[in-house]
Amino acid sequence: MKVREPYKGHVIEAMSFELRDNPGFVSELFIERHDGEGVTVTQFFVPGVFGSTELAIQGAVLSGRRKVDAGYVVPA
């Protein structure tokens, strides 16, 4: 499952994946920063295992919002 959400001049793309050998879901996210020079995309993994794909997506979106609010550093 994948969700894209605009947030404070960025786009957060959250994805969830079902674990093969254990019950649960994991997630990752990409934060896109759009500016006059183009788009910069930064990938983050979300720690933890979630009980459903919906919870994994919610956790990734929340993590992405926190990173934007904290002023995450875009790799050079």
Protein backbone atom coordinates (compact mmCIF):
# COMPACT_ATOMS: atom_id res chain seq x y z
CA MET A 1 0.00 0.00 0.00
CA LYS A 2 1.20 3.53 -0.75
CA VAL A 3 -0.06 7.00 0.23
CA ARG A 4 1.13 10.45 -0.88
CA GLU A 5 0.35 13.48 1.27
CA PRO A 6 1.38 17.12 0.88
CA TYR A 7 2.77 18.65 4.06
CA LYS A 8 4.28 22.13 4.55
CA GLY A 9 5.76 22.43 1.06
CA HIS A 10 6.86 18.80 0.94
CA VAL A 11 5.25 15.58 -0.23
CA ILE A 12 5.38 12.58 2.09
CA GLU A 13 5.10 9.23 0.35
CA ALA A 14 4.50 6.40 2.82
CA MET A 15 4.58 2.70 1.94
CA SER A 16 3.91 -0.46 3.91
CA PHE A 17 5.06 -4.01 3.32
CA GLU A 18 3.85 -7.24 4.86
CA LEU A 19 6.53 -9.36 6.51
CA ARG A 20 6.95 -12.83 5.00
CA ASP A 21 8.18 -14.84 7.98
CA ASN A 22 6.48 -12.99 10.84
CA PRO A 23 3.08 -11.42 11.34
CA GLY A 24 3.00 -7.68 10.86
CA PHE A 25 3.90 -4.84 8.54
CA VAL A 26 6.88 -2.51 8.19
CA SER A 27 7.01 0.87 6.49
CA GLU A 28 9.27 3.36 4.82
CA LEU A 29 8.81 6.87 3.58
CA PHE A 30 10.16 9.32 1.08
CA ILE A 31 10.08 13.06 1.62
CA GLU A 32 10.04 15.17 -1.52
CA ARG A 33 11.11 18.79 -1.26
CA HIS A 34 9.99 20.94 -4.18
CA ASP A 35 11.86 24.18 -4.80
CA GLY A 36 13.01 26.39 -7.66
CA GLU A 37 15.81 23.99 -8.55
CA GLY A 38 13.64 20.89 -8.82
CA VAL A 39 12.71 18.04 -6.53
CA THR A 40 14.90 16.45 -3.87
CA VAL A 41 13.82 13.05 -2.52
CA THR A 42 15.08 11.60 0.77
CA GLN A 43 14.29 8.06 1.91
CA PHE A 44 13.72 7.03 5.53
CA PHE A 45 12.96 3.68 7.15
CA VAL A 46 10.45 3.63 9.98
CA PRO A 47 11.47 1.48 12.97
CA GLY A 48 9.04 -1.05 14.35
CA VAL A 49 6.52 -3.61 13.24
CA PHE A 50 2.86 -2.65 12.91
CA GLY A 51 -0.26 -4.77 13.28
CA SER A 52 -1.85 -3.67 10.00
CA THR A 53 -0.96 -1.96 6.77
CA GLU A 54 -3.06 1.04 7.81
CA LEU A 55 -1.13 1.43 11.08
CA ALA A 56 2.18 1.12 9.20
CA ILE A 57 1.13 3.89 6.79
CA GLN A 58 -0.06 6.10 9.67
CA GLY A 59 3.25 5.56 11.46
CA ALA A 60 5.24 6.47 8.35
CA VAL A 61 3.21 9.62 7.66
CA LEU A 62 3.57 10.73 11.29
CA SER A 63 7.30 10.07 11.15
CA GLY A 64 7.56 12.09 7.93
CA ARG A 65 5.67 15.02 9.45
CA ARG A 66 7.97 14.99 12.47
CA LYS A 67 11.04 14.98 10.23
CA VAL A 68 9.73 17.94 8.23
CA ASP A 69 8.84 19.81 11.44
CA ALA A 70 12.32 19.13 12.82
CA GLY A 71 13.98 20.46 9.65
CA TYR A 72 15.53 17.19 8.46
CA VAL A 73 18.78 17.58 6.53
CA VAL A 74 18.78 16.71 2.84
CA PRO A 75 21.90 14.68 1.96
CA ALA A 76 24.37 16.48 -0.31
